Amino acid sequence: MKLSGTLGHLTYSTLVHAGDNWDQMRASVEEFVPKVKRRLGVEGKFGVSLRISGDSQKTLSESAQARSDLKKFLDGEGLYVFTINAFPYGPFKGQRVMERVYEPDWTTNQRVEYTKSIADILVDITDADTSPSIQTAPLAFAPNVSDENYIARFTTSVFEVLAHLYHLEARTGRRVKLSIEPEPACYLETTDETVAFFKERMHAPAGVAELAKIAQIPLSEAEGAIKRYLGIVFDIGHQSVGFEDIPQSLEKLVNAGIPIFKLQEAAALWVESLSLDIIPELRRFTDTIYLSQTSLKTAEGIVKYLNLGEALDAYEANPVPTEMRTHFHVPVFLEEIGPFKTTRFAVQQALAMHRKQPLSDHLEIETYTWDVLPAELKTGDIVDYVSRELEFVMKELQS
């Protein structure tokens, strides 16, 4: 939905629903999104964050009728798409995902062509006054980044998509924005790493020259095009897992001239003080199909683990005073979940900054883990849960 003033557009990610192919995604959107709109009492148009998998992209790109039917449904229900989740290419529900969520990564032509196609689809399914964003993977899973050539390949791939977006706008008048999402255990993980990558690779003279060559445009056009079409998704939960100071991280991005094309209100699981007696309760969160990147903070510093179970094993082997945060998205309206805390405070900090000086025109909640939460920690159904998250964000922005 369009928020007041310059606060931007707010919605929830349909990544929470079944959507590994277009039949599933279309059915999920038709079943749940209108219910959320009615639950919130939205009288105008309600924004949609649409997940488009590789399978769905193929269907939509090959079928003008499917695109037309989708636009007709959206218009009929008073809905509009303003952002696409094109991060997970393959299956994301009902089976083990783990590090496969980053495949194909940005060194591959498959990722490049998929993303270009998503941009083309957006021209047909979005309103003419909308500048939609594409949320994408953080370039590569960190253990796969073997050398400078690997980095150069995915850097070039990003420029190839930016060239496509430049010419797409020239041809259609529609601006589509590419948003890279930093995430724990990936090449782009921390805010400092993200700032360095943009400074040294994307915004540097060599990067500007590379885009100019690929897009066949003057250097003067290429420099502006990079910032016009390339930014990031700032997932508050992701950066909280790494114990970042969220207001400080947001200021770093603004000062570096890196556009935040989407601000994701996400909270992570947080344990202020680990103890051996709560380990069994925490292990209930390890039975998940997703990665649960975890950071343990002690007097010696911060140590990061790929999964929560590994972190708990390490703590049991050396139970010193420890604070823990883990990449398990939890409802943003909860300050506590069961016996544990959440990093909701970081969401509130970011929203306070946004309320004072808007950071992005796209806001989104992305608690996709509802289906793997322990049953007794769920309250209501998915519509209740999503609506309460949106209500929480709207209230924070009115404070």
Protein backbone atom coordinates (compact mmCIF):
# COMPACT_ATOMS: atom_id res chain seq x y z
CA MET A 1 0.00 0.00 0.00
CA LYS A 2 1.11 3.59 -0.50
CA LEU A 3 2.01 5.13 2.82
CA SER A 4 1.52 8.78 3.64
CA GLY A 5 3.88 11.44 2.38
CA THR A 6 7.21 10.11 1.15
CA LEU A 7 7.28 6.99 3.34
CA GLY A 8 6.92 4.77 0.26
CA HIS A 9 5.10 1.51 -0.45
CA LEU A 10 4.61 -1.24 2.14
CA THR A 11 3.64 -4.89 1.74
CA TYR A 12 4.63 -8.40 2.76
CA SER A 13 6.65 -10.95 0.82
CA THR A 14 4.64 -13.72 -0.82
CA LEU A 15 7.74 -15.86 -0.29
CA VAL A 16 5.85 -16.97 2.82
CA HIS A 17 3.36 -18.83 0.61
CA ALA A 18 3.70 -21.82 -1.69
CA GLY A 19 5.08 -20.56 -4.99
CA ASP A 20 7.70 -22.80 -6.55
CA ASN A 21 5.84 -22.69 -9.88
CA TRP A 22 3.38 -20.27 -11.40
CA ASP A 23 0.26 -22.33 -10.63
CA GLN A 24 1.22 -22.35 -6.94
CA MET A 25 2.16 -18.68 -6.83
CA ARG A 26 -0.95 -17.51 -8.66
CA ALA A 27 -3.15 -19.61 -6.35
CA SER A 28 -1.39 -18.21 -3.26
CA VAL A 29 -1.76 -14.62 -4.40
CA GLU A 30 -5.44 -15.11 -5.22
CA GLU A 31 -6.18 -16.83 -1.92
CA PHE A 32 -4.22 -14.76 0.59
CA VAL A 33 -3.40 -11.26 -0.64
CA PRO A 34 -7.02 -10.03 -0.96
CA LYS A 35 -7.71 -11.42 2.54
CA VAL A 36 -4.79 -9.45 3.98
CA LYS A 37 -6.00 -6.32 2.21
CA ARG A 38 -9.49 -6.73 3.67
CA ARG A 39 -8.15 -7.57 7.13
CA LEU A 40 -6.17 -4.31 7.13
CA GLY A 41 -9.14 -2.35 5.85
CA VAL A 42 -7.20 -0.89 2.92
CA GLU A 43 -9.64 1.10 0.77
CA GLY A 44 -7.22 2.05 -2.01
CA LYS A 45 -4.79 -0.15 -3.90
CA PHE A 46 -2.74 -2.69 -1.98
CA GLY A 47 0.85 -3.44 -2.97
CA VAL A 48 2.12 -6.91 -3.79
CA SER A 49 5.61 -8.36 -3.46
CA LEU A 50 5.53 -11.22 -5.93
CA ARG A 51 7.88 -14.19 -5.76
CA ILE A 52 8.83 -15.34 -9.28
CA SER A 53 10.88 -18.54 -9.35
CA GLY A 54 12.80 -19.77 -12.37
CA ASP A 55 9.87 -22.02 -13.25
CA SER A 56 7.36 -19.15 -12.92
CA GLN A 57 9.59 -16.86 -14.96
CA LYS A 58 9.58 -19.35 -17.81
CA THR A 59 5.78 -19.57 -17.73
CA LEU A 60 5.24 -15.82 -17.62
CA SER A 61 7.86 -14.96 -20.22
CA GLU A 62 6.46 -17.48 -22.68
CA SER A 63 2.79 -16.64 -22.16
CA ALA A 64 1.44 -13.17 -22.88
CA GLN A 65 -1.93 -14.54 -21.80
CA ALA A 66 -0.60 -15.47 -18.34
CA ARG A 67 0.80 -11.95 -17.92
CA SER A 68 -2.43 -10.39 -19.12
CA ASP A 69 -4.53 -12.59 -16.82
CA LEU A 70 -2.36 -11.65 -13.85
CA LYS A 71 -2.66 -7.91 -14.58
CA LYS A 72 -6.42 -8.25 -14.99
CA PHE A 73 -6.69 -10.03 -11.64
CA LEU A 74 -4.54 -7.41 -9.91
CA ASP A 75 -6.58 -4.54 -11.32
CA GLY A 76 -9.85 -6.25 -10.43
CA GLU A 77 -8.82 -6.74 -6.80
CA GLY A 78 -7.27 -3.30 -6.35
CA LEU A 79 -3.75 -4.71 -6.15
CA TYR A 80 -0.47 -3.64 -7.73
CA VAL A 81 2.96 -5.26 -7.92
CA PHE A 82 5.84 -2.98 -6.99
CA THR A 83 8.59 -5.46 -6.13
CA ILE A 84 9.68 -8.96 -7.15
CA ASN A 85 11.56 -11.54 -5.12
CA ALA A 86 13.90 -13.14 -7.65
CA PHE A 87 16.39 -14.35 -5.04
CA PRO A 88 15.46 -18.07 -4.78
CA TYR A 89 15.51 -19.44 -8.31
CA GLY A 90 14.54 -23.02 -7.47
CA PRO A 91 12.24 -24.74 -4.94
CA PHE A 92 11.85 -22.93 -1.62
CA LYS A 93 9.05 -24.77 0.16
CA GLY A 94 8.53 -28.30 1.41
CA GLN A 95 12.06 -29.62 0.82
CA ARG A 96 15.61 -29.03 2.02
CA VAL A 97 16.88 -25.71 0.65
CA MET A 98 20.02 -24.75 2.62
CA GLU A 99 22.84 -23.24 0.50
CA ARG A 100 21.09 -24.24 -2.75
CA VAL A 101 19.06 -21.05 -2.31
CA TYR A 102 22.02 -19.13 -3.82
CA GLU A 103 22.09 -21.19 -7.02
CA PRO A 104 22.50 -20.33 -9.80
CA ASP A 105 24.77 -17.59 -8.55
CA TRP A 106 25.77 -14.42 -10.39
CA THR A 107 28.69 -16.01 -12.23
CA THR A 108 26.18 -17.89 -14.39
CA ASN A 109 24.42 -16.86 -17.55
CA GLN A 110 21.33 -18.57 -16.14
CA ARG A 111 21.07 -15.98 -13.34
CA VAL A 112 21.66 -13.14 -15.79
CA GLU A 113 19.00 -14.21 -18.29
CA TYR A 114 16.51 -15.03 -15.54
CA THR A 115 16.90 -11.56 -14.06
CA LYS A 116 16.62 -9.84 -17.44
CA SER A 117 13.42 -11.77 -18.10
CA ILE A 118 11.99 -10.74 -14.73
CA ALA A 119 12.57 -7.11 -15.69
CA ASP A 120 10.76 -7.62 -18.99
CA ILE A 121 7.82 -9.27 -17.22
CA LEU A 122 7.57 -6.35 -14.82
CA VAL A 123 6.92 -3.95 -17.67
CA ASP A 124 3.73 -5.89 -18.49
CA ILE A 125 2.38 -6.57 -15.00
CA THR A 126 3.07 -3.29 -13.17
CA ASP A 127 1.33 0.08 -13.32
CA ALA A 128 2.90 2.73 -15.53
CA ASP A 129 3.60 5.03 -12.56
CA THR A 130 5.50 2.32 -10.66
CA SER A 131 9.29 1.85 -10.66
CA PRO A 132 9.51 -1.76 -9.51
CA SER A 133 12.47 -3.39 -7.79
CA ILE A 134 13.96 -6.86 -8.24
CA GLN A 135 15.35 -8.47 -5.10
CA THR A 136 18.28 -10.74 -5.93
CA ALA A 137 20.90 -12.97 -4.34
CA PRO A 138 24.10 -11.59 -2.73
CA LEU A 139 26.22 -12.57 -5.75
CA ALA A 140 27.52 -15.91 -4.42
CA PHE A 141 27.73 -18.24 -1.44
CA ALA A 142 31.00 -17.16 0.21
CA PRO A 143 32.72 -20.61 0.24
CA ASN A 144 32.32 -20.77 -3.55
CA VAL A 145 34.20 -17.53 -4.22
CA SER A 146 37.56 -19.03 -5.10
CA ASP A 147 39.56 -16.19 -6.64
CA GLU A 148 39.61 -12.80 -8.36
CA ASN A 149 38.28 -14.31 -11.59
CA TYR A 150 35.15 -15.50 -9.77
CA ILE A 151 34.54 -11.97 -8.45
CA ALA A 152 35.18 -10.46 -11.89
CA ARG A 153 32.65 -12.83 -13.48
CA PHE A 154 29.77 -11.93 -11.20
CA THR A 155 30.66 -8.25 -11.38
CA THR A 156 30.41 -8.38 -15.17
CA SER A 157 27.13 -10.27 -14.89
CA VAL A 158 25.62 -7.47 -12.82
CA PHE A 159 26.73 -4.92 -15.41
CA GLU A 160 25.10 -7.01 -18.14
CA VAL A 161 21.78 -6.78 -16.33
CA LEU A 162 22.22 -3.04 -15.72
CA ALA A 163 22.80 -2.56 -19.44
CA HIS A 164 19.55 -4.42 -20.08
CA LEU A 165 17.69 -2.19 -17.59
CA TYR A 166 19.12 0.93 -19.22
CA HIS A 167 17.93 -0.07 -22.68
CA LEU A 168 14.61 -1.37 -21.30
CA GLU A 169 13.82 2.08 -19.94
CA ALA A 170 14.96 3.74 -23.16
CA ARG A 171 12.61 1.46 -25.12
CA THR A 172 9.57 1.40 -22.82
CA GLY A 173 9.90 4.39 -20.53
CA ARG A 174 9.80 2.03 -17.53
CA ARG A 175 12.52 2.06 -14.90
CA VAL A 176 13.20 -1.28 -13.18
CA LYS A 177 15.70 -1.40 -10.30
CA LEU A 178 18.04 -4.26 -9.33
CA SER A 179 18.49 -4.76 -5.59
CA ILE A 180 21.22 -7.04 -4.22
CA GLU A 181 20.49 -8.45 -0.76
CA PRO A 182 23.48 -8.97 1.60
CA GLU A 183 23.11 -12.08 3.75
CA PRO A 184 25.20 -13.99 6.31
CA ALA A 185 27.65 -16.51 4.78
CA CYS A 186 27.58 -14.83 1.36
CA TYR A 187 30.10 -12.78 -0.60
CA LEU A 188 28.17 -9.68 0.42
CA GLU A 189 27.42 -10.22 4.09
CA THR A 190 28.25 -7.15 6.16
CA THR A 191 27.48 -3.52 5.45
CA ASP A 192 31.20 -2.75 5.33
CA GLU A 193 31.72 -5.46 2.69
CA THR A 194 28.82 -4.08 0.69
CA VAL A 195 30.15 -0.52 0.81
CA ALA A 196 33.60 -1.75 -0.25
CA PHE A 197 32.20 -3.74 -3.17
CA PHE A 198 30.24 -0.79 -4.53
CA LYS A 199 33.16 1.59 -4.04
CA GLU A 200 35.82 -0.68 -5.53
CA ARG A 201 33.81 -2.51 -8.21
CA MET A 202 30.57 -0.79 -9.17
CA HIS A 203 31.14 2.93 -8.62
CA ALA A 204 34.86 2.91 -9.46
CA PRO A 205 36.07 4.32 -12.80
CA ALA A 206 36.80 0.79 -14.03
CA GLY A 207 33.23 -0.26 -13.23
CA VAL A 208 31.76 2.76 -14.99
CA ALA A 209 33.92 2.00 -18.03
CA GLU A 210 32.83 -1.65 -18.03
CA LEU A 211 29.14 -0.73 -18.03
CA ALA A 212 29.72 1.86 -20.77
CA LYS A 213 31.36 -0.80 -22.93
CA ILE A 214 28.69 -3.46 -22.33
CA ALA A 215 25.76 -1.08 -22.80
CA GLN A 216 27.45 0.84 -25.65
CA ILE A 217 26.77 4.19 -24.00
CA PRO A 218 29.00 7.17 -23.09
CA LEU A 219 30.86 7.22 -19.79
CA SER A 220 28.72 10.18 -18.71
CA GLU A 221 25.59 8.05 -19.07
CA ALA A 222 27.09 4.96 -17.48
CA GLU A 223 28.07 6.71 -14.25
CA GLY A 224 24.53 7.86 -13.56
CA ALA A 225 23.01 4.59 -14.76
CA ILE A 226 24.75 2.54 -12.08
CA LYS A 227 23.06 4.43 -9.27
CA ARG A 228 19.80 4.68 -11.18
CA TYR A 229 19.45 0.92 -11.62
CA LEU A 230 21.58 -0.73 -8.92
CA GLY A 231 21.08 -0.66 -5.16
CA ILE A 232 20.55 -3.04 -2.30
CA VAL A 233 17.89 -4.70 -0.21
CA PHE A 234 18.70 -3.92 3.42
CA ASP A 235 17.31 -6.80 5.47
CA ILE A 236 17.36 -5.58 9.06
CA GLY A 237 17.33 -9.13 10.39
CA HIS A 238 20.33 -10.22 8.33
CA GLN A 239 22.47 -7.35 9.55
CA SER A 240 21.28 -7.83 13.13
CA VAL A 241 22.52 -11.44 13.09
CA GLY A 242 26.03 -10.07 12.58
CA PHE A 243 25.61 -7.73 15.58
CA GLU A 244 25.69 -4.63 13.39
CA ASP A 245 24.52 -1.31 14.78
CA ILE A 246 21.59 -0.83 12.40
CA PRO A 247 21.37 3.00 12.40
CA GLN A 248 25.13 3.17 11.89
CA SER A 249 24.96 0.68 9.01
CA LEU A 250 22.18 2.60 7.31
CA GLU A 251 24.16 5.82 7.64
CA LYS A 252 27.19 4.15 6.03
CA LEU A 253 25.12 3.17 3.00
CA VAL A 254 23.60 6.64 2.65
CA ASN A 255 27.00 8.31 3.00
CA ALA A 256 28.47 5.96 0.38
CA GLY A 257 25.74 6.88 -2.10
CA ILE A 258 24.37 3.33 -2.28
CA PRO A 259 20.61 3.34 -2.91
CA ILE A 260 18.51 1.25 -0.55
CA PHE A 261 15.89 0.15 -3.04
CA LYS A 262 14.11 -2.02 -0.47
CA LEU A 263 14.08 -1.86 3.33
CA GLN A 264 13.02 -5.21 4.79
CA GLU A 265 11.52 -5.24 8.24
CA ALA A 266 12.76 -8.60 9.48
CA ALA A 267 13.64 -9.77 12.99
CA ALA A 268 15.97 -12.56 14.08
CA LEU A 269 16.02 -14.88 17.07
CA TRP A 270 18.14 -13.45 19.90
CA VAL A 271 19.43 -14.96 23.13
CA GLU A 272 21.08 -12.40 25.39
CA SER A 273 22.79 -15.01 27.54
CA LEU A 274 23.16 -18.61 26.47
CA SER A 275 23.00 -21.32 29.11
CA LEU A 276 23.16 -25.09 28.93
CA ASP A 277 19.62 -25.49 30.27
CA ILE A 278 18.02 -23.68 27.30
CA ILE A 279 19.95 -25.57 24.61
CA PRO A 280 17.22 -28.26 24.22
CA GLU A 281 14.63 -25.54 23.61
CA LEU A 282 16.87 -23.88 21.02
CA ARG A 283 17.46 -27.15 19.22
CA ARG A 284 13.77 -27.17 18.29
CA PHE A 285 14.63 -24.37 15.87
CA THR A 286 17.28 -26.47 14.12
CA ASP A 287 14.72 -28.69 12.38
CA THR A 288 14.38 -26.45 9.34
CA ILE A 289 14.87 -26.69 5.60
CA TYR A 290 16.68 -23.33 5.54
CA LEU A 291 20.14 -22.22 6.57
CA SER A 292 20.21 -20.77 10.09
CA GLN A 293 23.41 -18.73 10.05
CA THR A 294 24.32 -17.97 13.67
CA SER A 295 26.68 -15.59 15.44
CA LEU A 296 28.05 -16.20 18.94
CA LYS A 297 29.45 -13.17 20.74
CA THR A 298 31.82 -13.65 23.66
CA ALA A 299 34.52 -11.58 25.34
CA GLU A 300 36.88 -12.91 22.66
CA GLY A 301 34.78 -11.55 19.79
CA ILE A 302 32.18 -12.83 17.34
CA VAL A 303 32.33 -16.31 15.77
CA LYS A 304 29.96 -17.20 12.93
CA TYR A 305 28.48 -20.58 12.07
CA LEU A 306 26.54 -21.73 9.03
CA ASN A 307 23.79 -23.37 11.08
CA LEU A 308 22.30 -23.01 14.55
CA GLY A 309 23.03 -26.63 15.46
CA GLU A 310 26.76 -26.14 14.83
CA ALA A 311 26.77 -23.03 17.00
CA LEU A 312 25.04 -24.84 19.85
CA ASP A 313 27.54 -27.70 19.63
CA ALA A 314 30.38 -25.20 19.88
CA TYR A 315 28.83 -23.53 22.91
CA GLU A 316 28.27 -26.84 24.69
CA ALA A 317 31.94 -27.68 24.15
CA ASN A 318 32.96 -24.36 25.73
CA PRO A 319 30.10 -22.80 27.72
CA VAL A 320 31.57 -19.37 28.38
CA PRO A 321 29.35 -16.24 28.69
CA THR A 322 27.82 -15.92 25.23
CA GLU A 323 25.22 -13.84 23.38
CA MET A 324 23.62 -15.42 20.33
CA ARG A 325 21.72 -14.26 17.27
CA THR A 326 20.50 -16.58 14.55
CA HIS A 327 19.05 -16.21 11.06
CA PHE A 328 15.59 -17.47 11.84
CA HIS A 329 12.99 -14.90 10.79
CA VAL A 330 10.45 -14.35 13.54
CA PRO A 331 7.31 -12.15 13.56
CA VAL A 332 8.32 -8.50 13.82
CA PHE A 333 5.47 -7.68 16.20
CA LEU A 334 7.00 -9.95 18.86
CA GLU A 335 9.63 -8.70 21.29
CA GLU A 336 9.86 -12.23 22.69
CA ILE A 337 9.12 -15.63 21.20
CA GLY A 338 8.74 -18.36 23.76
CA PRO A 339 11.64 -18.02 26.23
CA PHE A 340 13.79 -16.04 23.78
CA LYS A 341 14.02 -12.47 22.56
CA THR A 342 13.93 -11.11 19.03
CA THR A 343 15.81 -8.28 17.35
CA ARG A 344 12.60 -6.30 16.94
CA PHE A 345 14.40 -3.35 18.52
CA ALA A 346 16.55 -3.09 15.38
CA VAL A 347 13.44 -2.89 13.20
CA GLN A 348 12.15 -0.10 15.41
CA GLN A 349 15.46 1.76 15.12
CA ALA A 350 15.39 1.55 11.32
CA LEU A 351 11.76 2.63 11.10
CA ALA A 352 12.46 5.59 13.37
CA MET A 353 15.18 6.69 10.95
CA HIS A 354 12.86 6.12 7.98
CA ARG A 355 10.09 8.11 9.64
CA LYS A 356 12.45 11.06 10.12
CA GLN A 357 14.09 10.85 6.67
CA PRO A 358 12.75 8.20 4.25
CA LEU A 359 15.50 5.78 3.28
CA SER A 360 13.69 3.80 0.59
CA ASP A 361 10.43 3.86 -1.35
CA HIS A 362 9.91 0.10 -0.95
CA LEU A 363 9.24 -1.42 2.48
CA GLU A 364 8.48 -5.07 3.07
CA ILE A 365 8.12 -7.63 5.83
CA GLU A 366 9.66 -10.98 4.95
CA THR A 367 8.99 -13.52 7.67
CA TYR A 368 8.92 -16.52 5.35
CA THR A 369 9.51 -19.04 8.16
CA TRP A 370 5.93 -19.18 9.45
CA ASP A 371 5.51 -22.73 8.14
CA VAL A 372 8.54 -24.00 10.11
CA LEU A 373 7.88 -22.22 13.40
CA PRO A 374 7.14 -24.59 16.30
CA ALA A 375 3.36 -25.05 16.32
CA GLU A 376 2.72 -23.66 19.81
CA LEU A 377 4.50 -20.41 18.90
CA LYS A 378 2.00 -19.64 16.14
CA THR A 379 -0.99 -17.49 16.92
CA GLY A 380 -3.80 -17.44 14.38
CA ASP A 381 -3.45 -18.30 10.71
CA ILE A 382 -1.13 -16.86 8.10
CA VAL A 383 -3.47 -13.96 7.30
CA ASP A 384 -3.63 -12.97 10.97
CA TYR A 385 0.13 -13.23 11.30
CA VAL A 386 0.98 -11.20 8.19
CA SER A 387 -1.62 -8.56 9.01
CA ARG A 388 -0.29 -8.10 12.52
CA GLU A 389 3.21 -7.59 11.13
CA LEU A 390 2.01 -4.93 8.72
CA GLU A 391 -0.02 -3.24 11.45
CA PHE A 392 3.08 -3.15 13.65
CA VAL A 393 5.14 -1.45 10.93
CA MET A 394 2.41 1.08 10.17
CA LYS A 395 2.09 1.93 13.87
CA GLU A 396 5.84 2.43 14.21
CA LEU A 397 5.83 4.81 11.25
CA GLN A 398 3.07 6.86 12.86
CA SER A 399 4.82 7.18 16.24
